[in-house]
Structures are given as structure tokens and as C-alpha cells.
Amino acid sequence: LKPCTITLNIEIPAPFEPKVGEKYWFIADYVSSGYSDTQEGTGINSSIGKWRTEAEIKQVVAALRGALKNG
């Protein structure tokens, strides 16, 4: 059996490591927008990445959705 795979070749803004109390945006598959925000140290842990602004996370979500849709 040949595995079903897709190759993603996308450019997205680089994630960052926020300091405690710093606001960040993250991928959240449980909301329709695909992203949400919180502050570092609140107990929410995003292992995929954390971005500084809503504009950056919008780019990330749009790139991933486009790559998966067209992949």
C-alpha cells in the first residue's frame, strides 16, 4: 500500500517565544476562524507555534488552509 501524503511548501511568519504575561496568537481548530489569542502563563499551551499579531496568525491560517485545500 502506498501511503497518502501531501507535501506542504508554504511561507509563513516565524513564530516566537512570548514572555510570561505577553499576549500571543495561536492556531485553534476549535473556533471557525482557526486561531485565538491568550497570554503566556495562563495554562494554554500551543505546541504548533505562537505569533505576535493577529495579522500574522491570519497569514498562517490562510496559508495552511490554502495548502491543504490545494494539496
PDB file of N, CA and C in Angstrom:
ATOM      1  N   LEU A   1       0.826  -1.186   0.000  1.00  0.00           N
ATOM      2  CA  LEU A   1       0.000   0.000   0.000  1.00  0.00           C
ATOM      3  C   LEU A   1       0.869   1.248   0.000  1.00  0.00           C
ATOM      4  N   LYS A   2       0.526   2.169  -0.849  1.00  0.00           N
ATOM      5  CA  LYS A   2       1.247   3.432  -0.909  1.00  0.00           C
ATOM      6  C   LYS A   2       0.588   4.412   0.069  1.00  0.00           C
ATOM      7  N   PRO A   3       1.378   5.038   0.957  1.00  0.00           N
ATOM      8  CA  PRO A   3       0.783   5.984   1.901  1.00  0.00           C
ATOM      9  C   PRO A   3       0.266   7.234   1.195  1.00  0.00           C
ATOM     10  N   CYS A   4      -0.837   7.752   1.688  1.00  0.00           N
ATOM     11  CA  CYS A   4      -1.378   9.007   1.158  1.00  0.00           C
ATOM     12  C   CYS A   4      -0.720  10.158   1.898  1.00  0.00           C
ATOM     13  N   THR A   5       0.010  10.969   1.188  1.00  0.00           N
ATOM     14  CA  THR A   5       0.693  12.108   1.801  1.00  0.00           C
ATOM     15  C   THR A   5       0.553  13.328   0.903  1.00  0.00           C
ATOM     16  N   ILE A   6       0.766  14.483   1.501  1.00  0.00           N
ATOM     17  CA  ILE A   6       0.851  15.721   0.736  1.00  0.00           C
ATOM     18  C   ILE A   6       2.125  16.432   1.165  1.00  0.00           C
ATOM     19  N   THR A   7       2.686  17.208   0.283  1.00  0.00           N
ATOM     20  CA  THR A   7       3.868  17.997   0.590  1.00  0.00           C
ATOM     21  C   THR A   7       3.453  19.455   0.711  1.00  0.00           C
ATOM     22  N   LEU A   8       3.810  20.061   1.823  1.00  0.00           N
ATOM     23  CA  LEU A   8       3.494  21.470   2.032  1.00  0.00           C
ATOM     24  C   LEU A   8       4.731  22.307   1.768  1.00  0.00           C
ATOM     25  N   ASN A   9       4.610  23.256   0.886  1.00  0.00           N
ATOM     26  CA  ASN A   9       5.697  24.176   0.591  1.00  0.00           C
ATOM     27  C   ASN A   9       5.120  25.582   0.709  1.00  0.00           C
ATOM     28  N   ILE A  10       5.056  26.079   1.932  1.00  0.00           N
ATOM     29  CA  ILE A  10       4.434  27.373   2.186  1.00  0.00           C
ATOM     30  C   ILE A  10       5.378  28.266   2.986  1.00  0.00           C
ATOM     31  N   GLU A  11       5.194  29.556   2.843  1.00  0.00           N
ATOM     32  CA  GLU A  11       5.940  30.518   3.641  1.00  0.00           C
ATOM     33  C   GLU A  11       4.972  31.178   4.603  1.00  0.00           C
ATOM     34  N   ILE A  12       5.345  31.177   5.879  1.00  0.00           N
ATOM     35  CA  ILE A  12       4.531  31.793   6.915  1.00  0.00           C
ATOM     36  C   ILE A  12       5.441  32.619   7.828  1.00  0.00           C
ATOM     37  N   PRO A  13       4.861  33.591   8.541  1.00  0.00           N
ATOM     38  CA  PRO A  13       5.667  34.336   9.500  1.00  0.00           C
ATOM     39  C   PRO A  13       6.246  33.392  10.560  1.00  0.00           C
ATOM     40  N   ALA A  14       7.437  33.674  11.017  1.00  0.00           N
ATOM     41  CA  ALA A  14       8.078  32.822  12.021  1.00  0.00           C
ATOM     42  C   ALA A  14       7.390  32.999  13.374  1.00  0.00           C
ATOM     43  N   PRO A  15       7.174  31.895  14.092  1.00  0.00           N
ATOM     44  CA  PRO A  15       6.623  32.001  15.438  1.00  0.00           C
ATOM     45  C   PRO A  15       7.664  32.575  16.401  1.00  0.00           C
ATOM     46  N   PHE A  16       7.245  32.915  17.612  1.00  0.00           N
ATOM     47  CA  PHE A  16       8.165  33.450  18.608  1.00  0.00           C
ATOM     48  C   PHE A  16       7.856  32.829  19.960  1.00  0.00           C
ATOM     49  N   GLU A  17       8.715  33.057  20.935  1.00  0.00           N
ATOM     50  CA  GLU A  17       8.527  32.577  22.299  1.00  0.00           C
ATOM     51  C   GLU A  17       8.162  33.772  23.190  1.00  0.00           C
ATOM     52  N   PRO A  18       6.901  33.878  23.582  1.00  0.00           N
ATOM     53  CA  PRO A  18       6.482  35.008  24.405  1.00  0.00           C
ATOM     54  C   PRO A  18       6.972  34.878  25.847  1.00  0.00           C
ATOM     55  N   LYS A  19       7.099  36.030  26.496  1.00  0.00           N
ATOM     56  CA  LYS A  19       7.430  36.071  27.916  1.00  0.00           C
ATOM     57  C   LYS A  19       6.141  35.943  28.718  1.00  0.00           C
ATOM     58  N   VAL A  20       6.238  35.545  29.970  1.00  0.00           N
ATOM     59  CA  VAL A  20       5.068  35.415  30.830  1.00  0.00           C
ATOM     60  C   VAL A  20       4.302  36.737  30.848  1.00  0.00           C
ATOM     61  N   GLY A  21       2.993  36.656  30.617  1.00  0.00           N
ATOM     62  CA  GLY A  21       2.132  37.830  30.587  1.00  0.00           C
ATOM     63  C   GLY A  21       1.979  38.462  29.216  1.00  0.00           C
ATOM     64  N   GLU A  22       2.791  38.058  28.260  1.00  0.00           N
ATOM     65  CA  GLU A  22       2.743  38.621  26.909  1.00  0.00           C
ATOM     66  C   GLU A  22       1.633  37.949  26.096  1.00  0.00           C
ATOM     67  N   LYS A  23       0.854  38.759  25.381  1.00  0.00           N
ATOM     68  CA  LYS A  23      -0.223  38.248  24.536  1.00  0.00           C
ATOM     69  C   LYS A  23       0.359  37.607  23.288  1.00  0.00           C
ATOM     70  N   TYR A  24      -0.264  36.510  22.851  1.00  0.00           N
ATOM     71  CA  TYR A  24       0.133  35.883  21.597  1.00  0.00           C
ATOM     72  C   TYR A  24      -1.079  35.240  20.940  1.00  0.00           C
ATOM     73  N   TRP A  25      -0.936  34.936  19.653  1.00  0.00           N
ATOM     74  CA  TRP A  25      -1.976  34.301  18.846  1.00  0.00           C
ATOM     75  C   TRP A  25      -1.516  32.901  18.491  1.00  0.00           C
ATOM     76  N   PHE A  26      -2.455  31.940  18.405  1.00  0.00           N
ATOM     77  CA  PHE A  26      -2.103  30.553  18.129  1.00  0.00           C
ATOM     78  C   PHE A  26      -3.183  29.883  17.287  1.00  0.00           C
ATOM     79  N   ILE A  27      -2.826  28.785  16.628  1.00  0.00           N
ATOM     80  CA  ILE A  27      -3.766  28.009  15.825  1.00  0.00           C
ATOM     81  C   ILE A  27      -4.729  27.305  16.775  1.00  0.00           C
ATOM     82  N   ALA A  28      -6.021  27.464  16.520  1.00  0.00           N
ATOM     83  CA  ALA A  28      -7.055  26.856  17.365  1.00  0.00           C
ATOM     84  C   ALA A  28      -8.115  26.239  16.456  1.00  0.00           C
ATOM     85  N   ASP A  29      -8.092  24.939  16.335  1.00  0.00           N
ATOM     86  CA  ASP A  29      -9.026  24.272  15.427  1.00  0.00           C
ATOM     87  C   ASP A  29     -10.444  24.192  15.973  1.00  0.00           C
ATOM     88  N   TYR A  30     -10.660  24.635  17.195  1.00  0.00           N
ATOM     89  CA  TYR A  30     -11.988  24.574  17.801  1.00  0.00           C
ATOM     90  C   TYR A  30     -12.809  25.849  17.591  1.00  0.00           C
ATOM     91  N   VAL A  31     -12.267  26.807  16.862  1.00  0.00           N
ATOM     92  CA  VAL A  31     -13.023  28.018  16.508  1.00  0.00           C
ATOM     93  C   VAL A  31     -13.027  28.170  14.994  1.00  0.00           C
ATOM     94  N   SER A  32     -14.070  28.785  14.451  1.00  0.00           N
ATOM     95  CA  SER A  32     -14.216  28.856  12.994  1.00  0.00           C
ATOM     96  C   SER A  32     -13.119  29.680  12.319  1.00  0.00           C
ATOM     97  N   SER A  33     -12.577  30.668  13.016  1.00  0.00           N
ATOM     98  CA  SER A  33     -11.518  31.482  12.425  1.00  0.00           C
ATOM     99  C   SER A  33     -10.224  30.692  12.258  1.00  0.00           C
ATOM    100  N   GLY A  34     -10.048  29.649  13.079  1.00  0.00           N
ATOM    101  CA  GLY A  34      -8.834  28.846  13.020  1.00  0.00           C
ATOM    102  C   GLY A  34      -7.737  29.332  13.948  1.00  0.00           C
ATOM    103  N   TYR A  35      -8.001  30.395  14.700  1.00  0.00           N
ATOM    104  CA  TYR A  35      -6.994  30.924  15.611  1.00  0.00           C
ATOM    105  C   TYR A  35      -7.660  31.603  16.808  1.00  0.00           C
ATOM    106  N   SER A  36      -6.864  31.811  17.847  1.00  0.00           N
ATOM    107  CA  SER A  36      -7.335  32.501  19.037  1.00  0.00           C
ATOM    108  C   SER A  36      -6.143  33.186  19.696  1.00  0.00           C
ATOM    109  N   ASP A  37      -6.399  33.923  20.766  1.00  0.00           N
ATOM    110  CA  ASP A  37      -5.317  34.598  21.472  1.00  0.00           C
ATOM    111  C   ASP A  37      -5.412  34.335  22.966  1.00  0.00           C
ATOM    112  N   THR A  38      -4.298  34.504  23.638  1.00  0.00           N
ATOM    113  CA  THR A  38      -4.211  34.346  25.088  1.00  0.00           C
ATOM    114  C   THR A  38      -2.934  35.027  25.562  1.00  0.00           C
ATOM    115  N   GLN A  39      -2.656  34.908  26.836  1.00  0.00           N
ATOM    116  CA  GLN A  39      -1.407  35.416  27.398  1.00  0.00           C
ATOM    117  C   GLN A  39      -0.555  34.244  27.854  1.00  0.00           C
ATOM    118  N   GLU A  40       0.745  34.374  27.679  1.00  0.00           N
ATOM    119  CA  GLU A  40       1.667  33.341  28.138  1.00  0.00           C
ATOM    120  C   GLU A  40       1.545  33.188  29.651  1.00  0.00           C
ATOM    121  N   GLY A  41       1.503  31.949  30.084  1.00  0.00           N
ATOM    122  CA  GLY A  41       1.417  31.672  31.509  1.00  0.00           C
ATOM    123  C   GLY A  41       0.012  31.420  32.003  1.00  0.00           C
ATOM    124  N   THR A  42      -0.976  31.397  31.099  1.00  0.00           N
ATOM    125  CA  THR A  42      -2.364  31.178  31.510  1.00  0.00           C
ATOM    126  C   THR A  42      -2.742  29.704  31.519  1.00  0.00           C
ATOM    127  N   GLY A  43      -1.838  28.834  31.135  1.00  0.00           N
ATOM    128  CA  GLY A  43      -2.125  27.406  31.133  1.00  0.00           C
ATOM    129  C   GLY A  43      -2.455  26.850  29.765  1.00  0.00           C
ATOM    130  N   ILE A  44      -2.699  27.702  28.782  1.00  0.00           N
ATOM    131  CA  ILE A  44      -2.923  27.236  27.413  1.00  0.00           C
ATOM    132  C   ILE A  44      -1.558  27.041  26.772  1.00  0.00           C
ATOM    133  N   ASN A  45      -1.358  25.888  26.149  1.00  0.00           N
ATOM    134  CA  ASN A  45      -0.070  25.590  25.548  1.00  0.00           C
ATOM    135  C   ASN A  45      -0.256  25.277  24.074  1.00  0.00           C
ATOM    136  N   SER A  46       0.354  26.069  23.234  1.00  0.00           N
ATOM    137  CA  SER A  46       0.307  25.824  21.797  1.00  0.00           C
ATOM    138  C   SER A  46       1.637  25.229  21.361  1.00  0.00           C
ATOM    139  N   SER A  47       1.620  23.959  20.991  1.00  0.00           N
ATOM    140  CA  SER A  47       2.855  23.305  20.581  1.00  0.00           C
ATOM    141  C   SER A  47       3.192  23.559  19.114  1.00  0.00           C
ATOM    142  N   ILE A  48       2.241  24.091  18.353  1.00  0.00           N
ATOM    143  CA  ILE A  48       2.479  24.344  16.931  1.00  0.00           C
ATOM    144  C   ILE A  48       3.233  25.651  16.728  1.00  0.00           C
ATOM    145  N   GLY A  49       2.901  26.670  17.498  1.00  0.00           N
ATOM    146  CA  GLY A  49       3.571  27.950  17.373  1.00  0.00           C
ATOM    147  C   GLY A  49       2.759  29.066  17.983  1.00  0.00           C
ATOM    148  N   LYS A  50       3.428  30.182  18.220  1.00  0.00           N
ATOM    149  CA  LYS A  50       2.812  31.368  18.791  1.00  0.00           C
ATOM    150  C   LYS A  50       3.271  32.570  17.979  1.00  0.00           C
ATOM    151  N   TRP A  51       2.308  33.434  17.618  1.00  0.00           N
ATOM    152  CA  TRP A  51       2.625  34.586  16.793  1.00  0.00           C
ATOM    153  C   TRP A  51       2.259  35.871  17.517  1.00  0.00           C
ATOM    154  N   ARG A  52       2.961  36.952  17.188  1.00  0.00           N
ATOM    155  CA  ARG A  52       2.834  38.232  17.888  1.00  0.00           C
ATOM    156  C   ARG A  52       1.535  38.980  17.592  1.00  0.00           C
ATOM    157  N   THR A  53       1.045  38.875  16.368  1.00  0.00           N
ATOM    158  CA  THR A  53      -0.099  39.706  15.983  1.00  0.00           C
ATOM    159  C   THR A  53      -1.197  38.881  15.317  1.00  0.00           C
ATOM    160  N   GLU A  54      -2.389  39.453  15.302  1.00  0.00           N
ATOM    161  CA  GLU A  54      -3.498  38.806  14.610  1.00  0.00           C
ATOM    162  C   GLU A  54      -3.233  38.751  13.111  1.00  0.00           C
ATOM    163  N   ALA A  55      -2.594  39.778  12.577  1.00  0.00           N
ATOM    164  CA  ALA A  55      -2.284  39.785  11.145  1.00  0.00           C
ATOM    165  C   ALA A  55      -1.377  38.603  10.776  1.00  0.00           C
ATOM    166  N   GLU A  56      -0.396  38.305  11.635  1.00  0.00           N
ATOM    167  CA  GLU A  56       0.498  37.178  11.366  1.00  0.00           C
ATOM    168  C   GLU A  56      -0.247  35.847  11.414  1.00  0.00           C
ATOM    169  N   ILE A  57      -1.070  35.640  12.438  1.00  0.00           N
ATOM    170  CA  ILE A  57      -1.767  34.355  12.550  1.00  0.00           C
ATOM    171  C   ILE A  57      -2.783  34.186  11.420  1.00  0.00           C
ATOM    172  N   LYS A  58      -3.370  35.296  10.957  1.00  0.00           N
ATOM    173  CA  LYS A  58      -4.277  35.212   9.805  1.00  0.00           C
ATOM    174  C   LYS A  58      -3.524  34.707   8.578  1.00  0.00           C
ATOM    175  N   GLN A  59      -2.290  35.172   8.380  1.00  0.00           N
ATOM    176  CA  GLN A  59      -1.468  34.702   7.261  1.00  0.00           C
ATOM    177  C   GLN A  59      -1.172  33.212   7.390  1.00  0.00           C
ATOM    178  N   VAL A  60      -0.855  32.780   8.612  1.00  0.00           N
ATOM    179  CA  VAL A  60      -0.536  31.378   8.866  1.00  0.00           C
ATOM    180  C   VAL A  60      -1.740  30.495   8.556  1.00  0.00           C
ATOM    181  N   VAL A  61      -2.899  30.851   9.098  1.00  0.00           N
ATOM    182  CA  VAL A  61      -4.110  30.047   8.895  1.00  0.00           C
ATOM    183  C   VAL A  61      -4.496  30.020   7.418  1.00  0.00           C
ATOM    184  N   ALA A  62      -4.426  31.160   6.743  1.00  0.00           N
ATOM    185  CA  ALA A  62      -4.773  31.209   5.325  1.00  0.00           C
ATOM    186  C   ALA A  62      -3.824  30.354   4.495  1.00  0.00           C
ATOM    187  N   ALA A  63      -2.536  30.401   4.805  1.00  0.00           N
ATOM    188  CA  ALA A  63      -1.543  29.601   4.068  1.00  0.00           C
ATOM    189  C   ALA A  63      -1.789  28.110   4.281  1.00  0.00           C
ATOM    190  N   LEU A  64      -2.033  27.714   5.521  1.00  0.00           N
ATOM    191  CA  LEU A  64      -2.286  26.302   5.797  1.00  0.00           C
ATOM    192  C   LEU A  64      -3.579  25.815   5.143  1.00  0.00           C
ATOM    193  N   ARG A  65      -4.627  26.613   5.237  1.00  0.00           N
ATOM    194  CA  ARG A  65      -5.893  26.215   4.607  1.00  0.00           C
ATOM    195  C   ARG A  65      -5.746  26.098   3.105  1.00  0.00           C
ATOM    196  N   GLY A  66      -5.054  27.045   2.506  1.00  0.00           N
ATOM    197  CA  GLY A  66      -4.837  27.013   1.057  1.00  0.00           C
ATOM    198  C   GLY A  66      -3.994  25.821   0.628  1.00  0.00           C
ATOM    199  N   ALA A  67      -2.944  25.532   1.394  1.00  0.00           N
ATOM    200  CA  ALA A  67      -2.062  24.414   1.048  1.00  0.00           C
ATOM    201  C   ALA A  67      -2.792  23.088   1.184  1.00  0.00           C
ATOM    202  N   LEU A  68      -3.593  22.957   2.220  1.00  0.00           N
ATOM    203  CA  LEU A  68      -4.330  21.697   2.415  1.00  0.00           C
ATOM    204  C   LEU A  68      -5.439  21.536   1.408  1.00  0.00           C
ATOM    205  N   LYS A  69      -6.097  22.641   1.053  1.00  0.00           N
ATOM    206  CA  LYS A  69      -7.184  22.588   0.068  1.00  0.00           C
ATOM    207  C   LYS A  69      -6.641  22.240  -1.328  1.00  0.00           C
ATOM    208  N   ASN A  70      -5.485  22.813  -1.650  1.00  0.00           N
ATOM    209  CA  ASN A  70      -4.919  22.618  -2.979  1.00  0.00           C
ATOM    210  C   ASN A  70      -3.918  21.473  -3.039  1.00  0.00           C
ATOM    211  N   GLY A  71      -3.591  20.907  -1.855  1.00  0.00           N
ATOM    212  CA  GLY A  71      -2.562  19.856  -1.783  1.00  0.00           C
ATOM    213  C   GLY A  71      -3.021  18.595  -2.402  1.00  0.00           C
TER     214      GLY A  71
END
